[in-house]
Amino acid sequence: MNSNIEQIIMLLVLAYLLGSIPSGVWIGKIFFHIDIRRHGSGNIGTTNTYRVLGPIAGSIVMALDISKGAVATLLPTFFHITAISPLIFGFMAILGHTFSIFDKFKGGKAVATSAGMLLAYKPAFFFLAAGIWILVILLTSMVSLASMIGFTLTTIAIFFTHDILLSVMAVILTFFIFYRHRTNISRIKNGTESMVPFGLGNRLRKRKDPNE
């Protein structure tokens, strides 16, 4: 029994450490000799990596951050642990991503790593969230707005599964993601939020201001 508890604790720590890997920072420093924390929004996630280092680096960081959440959530399956929900391991990775031990307990906004947890636990909801996210980006050109809307609508859908733990965690993560995007919300209200260089929103903004 004690050995099983020790194994669970070790895997929870491992899940946190996996989530703590600052993909954007390390890729920026190793391959571009740039600390993305000193450029753009200063965030270490996909959007700022895309903005500072380009679409290839941004896509790689997004894939890695999703993988962190997915692998952490699958840890109990790999080690045949059934006494604790895989969601707890995924949540530890999300904590690591947002409060990274490798980045002075700072981190990203938890979107991609949370999506990775969904991918491993309930793939259908991952693809639902991803579909909404892509659609909102194409309509608004705003990654931040797409993330918030995607999580909100997916959380509503999750309620119909009657999975209490997943529902509670989805609500907590949705509120947390809104909190982490509070400066983005202010910029959206003021019409100054950054946009990706594609989508309907970017076209409309260029029509209003051709010099932008």
C-alpha atoms as a PDB file:
ATOM      1  CA  MET A   1       0.000   0.000   0.000  1.00  0.00           C
ATOM      2  CA  ASN A   2       2.763   2.430   0.971  1.00  0.00           C
ATOM      3  CA  SER A   3       4.684   1.685  -2.215  1.00  0.00           C
ATOM      4  CA  ASN A   4       1.554   2.420  -4.245  1.00  0.00           C
ATOM      5  CA  ILE A   5       1.111   5.778  -2.509  1.00  0.00           C
ATOM      6  CA  GLU A   6       4.774   6.593  -3.092  1.00  0.00           C
ATOM      7  CA  GLN A   7       4.405   5.730  -6.765  1.00  0.00           C
ATOM      8  CA  ILE A   8       1.354   7.994  -7.081  1.00  0.00           C
ATOM      9  CA  ILE A   9       3.191  10.864  -5.391  1.00  0.00           C
ATOM     10  CA  MET A  10       6.210  10.399  -7.655  1.00  0.00           C
ATOM     11  CA  LEU A  11       4.007  10.383 -10.750  1.00  0.00           C
ATOM     12  CA  LEU A  12       2.167  13.506  -9.602  1.00  0.00           C
ATOM     13  CA  VAL A  13       5.507  15.253  -9.181  1.00  0.00           C
ATOM     14  CA  LEU A  14       6.547  13.983 -12.619  1.00  0.00           C
ATOM     15  CA  ALA A  15       3.310  15.345 -14.109  1.00  0.00           C
ATOM     16  CA  TYR A  16       4.056  18.744 -12.562  1.00  0.00           C
ATOM     17  CA  LEU A  17       7.622  18.689 -13.898  1.00  0.00           C
ATOM     18  CA  LEU A  18       6.383  17.744 -17.378  1.00  0.00           C
ATOM     19  CA  GLY A  19       3.989  20.668 -17.310  1.00  0.00           C
ATOM     20  CA  SER A  20       6.735  22.959 -16.044  1.00  0.00           C
ATOM     21  CA  ILE A  21       8.860  22.555 -19.181  1.00  0.00           C
ATOM     22  CA  PRO A  22       8.842  26.082 -20.691  1.00  0.00           C
ATOM     23  CA  SER A  23       8.761  24.999 -24.328  1.00  0.00           C
ATOM     24  CA  GLY A  24       8.627  28.500 -25.782  1.00  0.00           C
ATOM     25  CA  VAL A  25      11.518  29.770 -23.663  1.00  0.00           C
ATOM     26  CA  TRP A  26      13.780  26.819 -24.389  1.00  0.00           C
ATOM     27  CA  ILE A  27      13.076  26.748 -28.137  1.00  0.00           C
ATOM     28  CA  GLY A  28      13.614  30.492 -28.358  1.00  0.00           C
ATOM     29  CA  LYS A  29      16.936  30.350 -26.533  1.00  0.00           C
ATOM     30  CA  ILE A  30      18.330  27.180 -28.152  1.00  0.00           C
ATOM     31  CA  PHE A  31      17.343  27.734 -31.774  1.00  0.00           C
ATOM     32  CA  PHE A  32      16.855  31.502 -32.081  1.00  0.00           C
ATOM     33  CA  HIS A  33      18.977  32.891 -29.220  1.00  0.00           C
ATOM     34  CA  ILE A  34      15.946  34.941 -28.195  1.00  0.00           C
ATOM     35  CA  ASP A  35      14.214  35.060 -24.822  1.00  0.00           C
ATOM     36  CA  ILE A  36      10.553  35.423 -25.804  1.00  0.00           C
ATOM     37  CA  ARG A  37       9.778  36.688 -22.308  1.00  0.00           C
ATOM     38  CA  ARG A  38      11.495  39.927 -23.333  1.00  0.00           C
ATOM     39  CA  HIS A  39       9.529  40.359 -26.547  1.00  0.00           C
ATOM     40  CA  GLY A  40       5.914  40.788 -27.595  1.00  0.00           C
ATOM     41  CA  SER A  41       3.520  40.177 -24.715  1.00  0.00           C
ATOM     42  CA  GLY A  42       6.223  38.450 -22.671  1.00  0.00           C
ATOM     43  CA  ASN A  43       4.137  35.286 -22.460  1.00  0.00           C
ATOM     44  CA  ILE A  44       5.826  31.928 -23.042  1.00  0.00           C
ATOM     45  CA  GLY A  45       2.902  30.282 -24.847  1.00  0.00           C
ATOM     46  CA  THR A  46       1.969  29.583 -28.449  1.00  0.00           C
ATOM     47  CA  THR A  47       0.640  33.020 -29.423  1.00  0.00           C
ATOM     48  CA  ASN A  48       3.672  34.998 -28.333  1.00  0.00           C
ATOM     49  CA  THR A  49       6.031  32.368 -29.747  1.00  0.00           C
ATOM     50  CA  TYR A  50       4.198  32.642 -33.074  1.00  0.00           C
ATOM     51  CA  ARG A  51       4.438  36.423 -32.915  1.00  0.00           C
ATOM     52  CA  VAL A  52       8.138  36.575 -31.952  1.00  0.00           C
ATOM     53  CA  LEU A  53       9.674  33.462 -33.529  1.00  0.00           C
ATOM     54  CA  GLY A  54       7.301  32.691 -36.391  1.00  0.00           C
ATOM     55  CA  PRO A  55       4.602  30.158 -37.294  1.00  0.00           C
ATOM     56  CA  ILE A  56       6.841  27.065 -37.318  1.00  0.00           C
ATOM     57  CA  ALA A  57       8.191  27.689 -33.826  1.00  0.00           C
ATOM     58  CA  GLY A  58       4.716  28.656 -32.631  1.00  0.00           C
ATOM     59  CA  SER A  59       3.208  25.448 -33.980  1.00  0.00           C
ATOM     60  CA  ILE A  60       5.949  23.349 -32.373  1.00  0.00           C
ATOM     61  CA  VAL A  61       5.402  25.031 -29.003  1.00  0.00           C
ATOM     62  CA  MET A  62       1.648  24.457 -29.254  1.00  0.00           C
ATOM     63  CA  ALA A  63       2.222  20.759 -30.039  1.00  0.00           C
ATOM     64  CA  LEU A  64       4.657  20.400 -27.150  1.00  0.00           C
ATOM     65  CA  ASP A  65       2.366  22.168 -24.682  1.00  0.00           C
ATOM     66  CA  ILE A  66      -0.569  19.978 -25.740  1.00  0.00           C
ATOM     67  CA  SER A  67       1.679  16.919 -25.383  1.00  0.00           C
ATOM     68  CA  LYS A  68       2.615  17.902 -21.835  1.00  0.00           C
ATOM     69  CA  GLY A  69      -1.008  17.796 -20.741  1.00  0.00           C
ATOM     70  CA  ALA A  70      -1.742  14.603 -22.668  1.00  0.00           C
ATOM     71  CA  VAL A  71       1.289  12.624 -21.468  1.00  0.00           C
ATOM     72  CA  ALA A  72       0.757  13.691 -17.859  1.00  0.00           C
ATOM     73  CA  THR A  73      -2.898  12.607 -18.029  1.00  0.00           C
ATOM     74  CA  LEU A  74      -1.856   9.224 -19.418  1.00  0.00           C
ATOM     75  CA  LEU A  75       0.734   8.551 -16.696  1.00  0.00           C
ATOM     76  CA  PRO A  76      -1.634   6.497 -14.491  1.00  0.00           C
ATOM     77  CA  THR A  77      -2.546   4.396 -17.542  1.00  0.00           C
ATOM     78  CA  PHE A  78       1.120   3.770 -18.344  1.00  0.00           C
ATOM     79  CA  PHE A  79       1.801   2.661 -14.763  1.00  0.00           C
ATOM     80  CA  HIS A  80      -1.541   0.906 -14.154  1.00  0.00           C
ATOM     81  CA  ILE A  81      -2.686   3.328 -11.467  1.00  0.00           C
ATOM     82  CA  THR A  82      -6.432   3.165 -10.852  1.00  0.00           C
ATOM     83  CA  ALA A  83      -6.746   4.657  -7.375  1.00  0.00           C
ATOM     84  CA  ILE A  84      -6.730   8.252  -8.623  1.00  0.00           C
ATOM     85  CA  SER A  85      -8.331   9.939 -11.635  1.00  0.00           C
ATOM     86  CA  PRO A  86      -6.099  10.732 -14.627  1.00  0.00           C
ATOM     87  CA  LEU A  87      -7.534  14.255 -14.476  1.00  0.00           C
ATOM     88  CA  ILE A  88      -5.531  14.921 -11.308  1.00  0.00           C
ATOM     89  CA  PHE A  89      -2.318  14.156 -13.163  1.00  0.00           C
ATOM     90  CA  GLY A  90      -3.390  16.388 -16.019  1.00  0.00           C
ATOM     91  CA  PHE A  91      -4.199  19.147 -13.562  1.00  0.00           C
ATOM     92  CA  MET A  92      -0.713  18.853 -12.075  1.00  0.00           C
ATOM     93  CA  ALA A  93       0.744  19.425 -15.545  1.00  0.00           C
ATOM     94  CA  ILE A  94      -1.456  22.496 -15.947  1.00  0.00           C
ATOM     95  CA  LEU A  95      -0.193  23.816 -12.608  1.00  0.00           C
ATOM     96  CA  GLY A  96       3.342  23.198 -13.793  1.00  0.00           C
ATOM     97  CA  HIS A  97       2.716  25.052 -17.027  1.00  0.00           C
ATOM     98  CA  THR A  98       1.284  28.113 -15.298  1.00  0.00           C
ATOM     99  CA  PHE A  99       3.618  28.052 -12.278  1.00  0.00           C
ATOM    100  CA  SER A 100       6.789  26.557 -13.727  1.00  0.00           C
ATOM    101  CA  ILE A 101       9.618  25.603 -11.403  1.00  0.00           C
ATOM    102  CA  PHE A 102      11.942  26.302 -14.349  1.00  0.00           C
ATOM    103  CA  ASP A 103      10.622  29.853 -14.807  1.00  0.00           C
ATOM    104  CA  LYS A 104      10.511  31.235 -11.266  1.00  0.00           C
ATOM    105  CA  PHE A 105       6.972  29.864 -10.837  1.00  0.00           C
ATOM    106  CA  LYS A 106       5.657  31.915 -13.737  1.00  0.00           C
ATOM    107  CA  GLY A 107       4.290  30.468 -16.944  1.00  0.00           C
ATOM    108  CA  GLY A 108       1.704  30.391 -19.708  1.00  0.00           C
ATOM    109  CA  LYS A 109      -2.062  30.765 -19.772  1.00  0.00           C
ATOM    110  CA  ALA A 110      -2.872  27.039 -19.566  1.00  0.00           C
ATOM    111  CA  VAL A 111      -4.843  26.797 -22.811  1.00  0.00           C
ATOM    112  CA  ALA A 112      -2.770  24.255 -24.769  1.00  0.00           C
ATOM    113  CA  THR A 113      -1.877  22.108 -21.750  1.00  0.00           C
ATOM    114  CA  SER A 114      -5.532  21.987 -20.682  1.00  0.00           C
ATOM    115  CA  ALA A 115      -6.436  20.964 -24.214  1.00  0.00           C
ATOM    116  CA  GLY A 116      -3.848  18.186 -23.971  1.00  0.00           C
ATOM    117  CA  MET A 117      -5.525  16.896 -20.825  1.00  0.00           C
ATOM    118  CA  LEU A 118      -8.824  16.766 -22.722  1.00  0.00           C
ATOM    119  CA  LEU A 119      -7.156  14.998 -25.647  1.00  0.00           C
ATOM    120  CA  ALA A 120      -5.967  12.189 -23.384  1.00  0.00           C
ATOM    121  CA  TYR A 121      -9.092  11.961 -21.230  1.00  0.00           C
ATOM    122  CA  LYS A 122     -11.986  12.760 -23.583  1.00  0.00           C
ATOM    123  CA  PRO A 123     -10.716  13.210 -27.167  1.00  0.00           C
ATOM    124  CA  ALA A 124     -14.149  14.222 -28.467  1.00  0.00           C
ATOM    125  CA  PHE A 125     -14.088  17.352 -26.299  1.00  0.00           C
ATOM    126  CA  PHE A 126     -10.567  18.164 -27.449  1.00  0.00           C
ATOM    127  CA  PHE A 127     -11.714  18.153 -31.068  1.00  0.00           C
ATOM    128  CA  LEU A 128     -14.820  20.151 -30.144  1.00  0.00           C
ATOM    129  CA  ALA A 129     -12.682  22.789 -28.421  1.00  0.00           C
ATOM    130  CA  ALA A 130     -10.178  22.803 -31.289  1.00  0.00           C
ATOM    131  CA  GLY A 131     -12.959  23.219 -33.855  1.00  0.00           C
ATOM    132  CA  ILE A 132     -14.488  26.149 -31.976  1.00  0.00           C
ATOM    133  CA  TRP A 133     -11.037  27.676 -31.462  1.00  0.00           C
ATOM    134  CA  ILE A 134     -10.217  27.525 -35.184  1.00  0.00           C
ATOM    135  CA  LEU A 135     -13.634  28.863 -36.196  1.00  0.00           C
ATOM    136  CA  VAL A 136     -13.456  31.852 -33.833  1.00  0.00           C
ATOM    137  CA  ILE A 137      -9.915  32.660 -34.991  1.00  0.00           C
ATOM    138  CA  LEU A 138     -11.052  32.621 -38.628  1.00  0.00           C
ATOM    139  CA  LEU A 139     -13.934  34.950 -37.732  1.00  0.00           C
ATOM    140  CA  THR A 140     -12.142  37.326 -35.341  1.00  0.00           C
ATOM    141  CA  SER A 141      -8.385  36.791 -35.907  1.00  0.00           C
ATOM    142  CA  MET A 142      -7.997  36.839 -32.098  1.00  0.00           C
ATOM    143  CA  VAL A 143      -6.386  33.842 -30.423  1.00  0.00           C
ATOM    144  CA  SER A 144      -7.276  35.095 -26.948  1.00  0.00           C
ATOM    145  CA  LEU A 145     -10.988  35.403 -27.765  1.00  0.00           C
ATOM    146  CA  ALA A 146     -10.947  31.995 -29.466  1.00  0.00           C
ATOM    147  CA  SER A 147      -9.422  30.420 -26.357  1.00  0.00           C
ATOM    148  CA  MET A 148     -12.002  31.909 -24.008  1.00  0.00           C
ATOM    149  CA  ILE A 149     -14.989  31.097 -26.208  1.00  0.00           C
ATOM    150  CA  GLY A 150     -13.658  27.616 -26.947  1.00  0.00           C
ATOM    151  CA  PHE A 151     -13.261  26.766 -23.279  1.00  0.00           C
ATOM    152  CA  THR A 152     -16.621  28.254 -22.317  1.00  0.00           C
ATOM    153  CA  LEU A 153     -18.612  26.321 -24.925  1.00  0.00           C
ATOM    154  CA  THR A 154     -16.690  23.106 -24.297  1.00  0.00           C
ATOM    155  CA  THR A 155     -17.323  23.416 -20.558  1.00  0.00           C
ATOM    156  CA  ILE A 156     -21.059  23.756 -21.228  1.00  0.00           C
ATOM    157  CA  ALA A 157     -20.924  20.615 -23.383  1.00  0.00           C
ATOM    158  CA  ILE A 158     -19.029  18.730 -20.680  1.00  0.00           C
ATOM    159  CA  PHE A 159     -21.903  19.267 -18.231  1.00  0.00           C
ATOM    160  CA  PHE A 160     -24.030  16.886 -20.300  1.00  0.00           C
ATOM    161  CA  THR A 161     -21.596  14.003 -19.669  1.00  0.00           C
ATOM    162  CA  HIS A 162     -22.443  13.954 -15.936  1.00  0.00           C
ATOM    163  CA  ASP A 163     -18.720  13.514 -15.227  1.00  0.00           C
ATOM    164  CA  ILE A 164     -18.610  15.533 -12.003  1.00  0.00           C
ATOM    165  CA  LEU A 165     -14.843  15.780 -11.647  1.00  0.00           C
ATOM    166  CA  LEU A 166     -14.339  16.780 -15.284  1.00  0.00           C
ATOM    167  CA  SER A 167     -17.179  19.312 -15.028  1.00  0.00           C
ATOM    168  CA  VAL A 168     -15.760  20.898 -11.881  1.00  0.00           C
ATOM    169  CA  MET A 169     -12.272  21.001 -13.349  1.00  0.00           C
ATOM    170  CA  ALA A 170     -13.560  22.488 -16.609  1.00  0.00           C
ATOM    171  CA  VAL A 171     -15.316  25.299 -14.726  1.00  0.00           C
ATOM    172  CA  ILE A 172     -12.200  26.021 -12.649  1.00  0.00           C
ATOM    173  CA  LEU A 173      -9.983  26.067 -15.735  1.00  0.00           C
ATOM    174  CA  THR A 174     -12.402  28.271 -17.669  1.00  0.00           C
ATOM    175  CA  PHE A 175     -12.462  30.870 -14.883  1.00  0.00           C
ATOM    176  CA  PHE A 176      -8.677  30.617 -14.577  1.00  0.00           C
ATOM    177  CA  ILE A 177      -8.186  31.101 -18.317  1.00  0.00           C
ATOM    178  CA  PHE A 178     -10.446  34.171 -18.241  1.00  0.00           C
ATOM    179  CA  TYR A 179      -8.374  35.508 -15.344  1.00  0.00           C
ATOM    180  CA  ARG A 180      -5.108  34.891 -17.198  1.00  0.00           C
ATOM    181  CA  HIS A 181      -6.588  36.714 -20.210  1.00  0.00           C
ATOM    182  CA  ARG A 182      -7.807  39.724 -18.233  1.00  0.00           C
ATOM    183  CA  THR A 183      -5.436  42.133 -20.030  1.00  0.00           C
ATOM    184  CA  ASN A 184      -6.540  40.669 -23.354  1.00  0.00           C
ATOM    185  CA  ILE A 185     -10.169  41.275 -22.384  1.00  0.00           C
ATOM    186  CA  SER A 186      -9.361  44.955 -21.765  1.00  0.00           C
ATOM    187  CA  ARG A 187      -7.654  45.230 -25.153  1.00  0.00           C
ATOM    188  CA  ILE A 188     -10.576  43.493 -26.877  1.00  0.00           C
ATOM    189  CA  LYS A 189     -12.960  46.044 -25.342  1.00  0.00           C
ATOM    190  CA  ASN A 190     -10.685  48.884 -26.474  1.00  0.00           C
ATOM    191  CA  GLY A 191     -10.244  47.466 -29.954  1.00  0.00           C
ATOM    192  CA  THR A 192      -6.479  47.143 -29.544  1.00  0.00           C
ATOM    193  CA  GLU A 193      -6.085  43.386 -29.174  1.00  0.00           C
ATOM    194  CA  SER A 194      -3.366  41.783 -31.313  1.00  0.00           C
ATOM    195  CA  MET A 195      -4.569  39.787 -34.298  1.00  0.00           C
ATOM    196  CA  VAL A 196      -3.108  36.952 -36.310  1.00  0.00           C
ATOM    197  CA  PRO A 197      -2.341  37.904 -39.945  1.00  0.00           C
ATOM    198  CA  PHE A 198      -5.337  36.004 -41.324  1.00  0.00           C
ATOM    199  CA  GLY A 199      -9.049  35.722 -40.734  1.00  0.00           C
ATOM    200  CA  LEU A 200     -12.054  38.000 -41.151  1.00  0.00           C
ATOM    201  CA  GLY A 201     -11.223  40.202 -38.170  1.00  0.00           C
ATOM    202  CA  ASN A 202      -7.804  41.114 -39.563  1.00  0.00           C
ATOM    203  CA  ARG A 203      -9.317  41.984 -42.951  1.00  0.00           C
ATOM    204  CA  LEU A 204     -11.944  44.241 -41.380  1.00  0.00           C
ATOM    205  CA  ARG A 205      -9.328  46.028 -39.278  1.00  0.00           C
ATOM    206  CA  LYS A 206      -7.176  46.649 -42.360  1.00  0.00           C
ATOM    207  CA  ARG A 207     -10.164  48.110 -44.183  1.00  0.00           C
ATOM    208  CA  LYS A 208     -10.723  50.557 -41.337  1.00  0.00           C
ATOM    209  CA  ASP A 209      -7.035  51.415 -41.109  1.00  0.00           C
ATOM    210  CA  PRO A 210      -5.149  50.646 -44.347  1.00  0.00           C
ATOM    211  CA  ASN A 211      -1.858  51.781 -42.768  1.00  0.00           C
ATOM    212  CA  GLU A 212      -2.008  49.141 -39.998  1.00  0.00           C
END
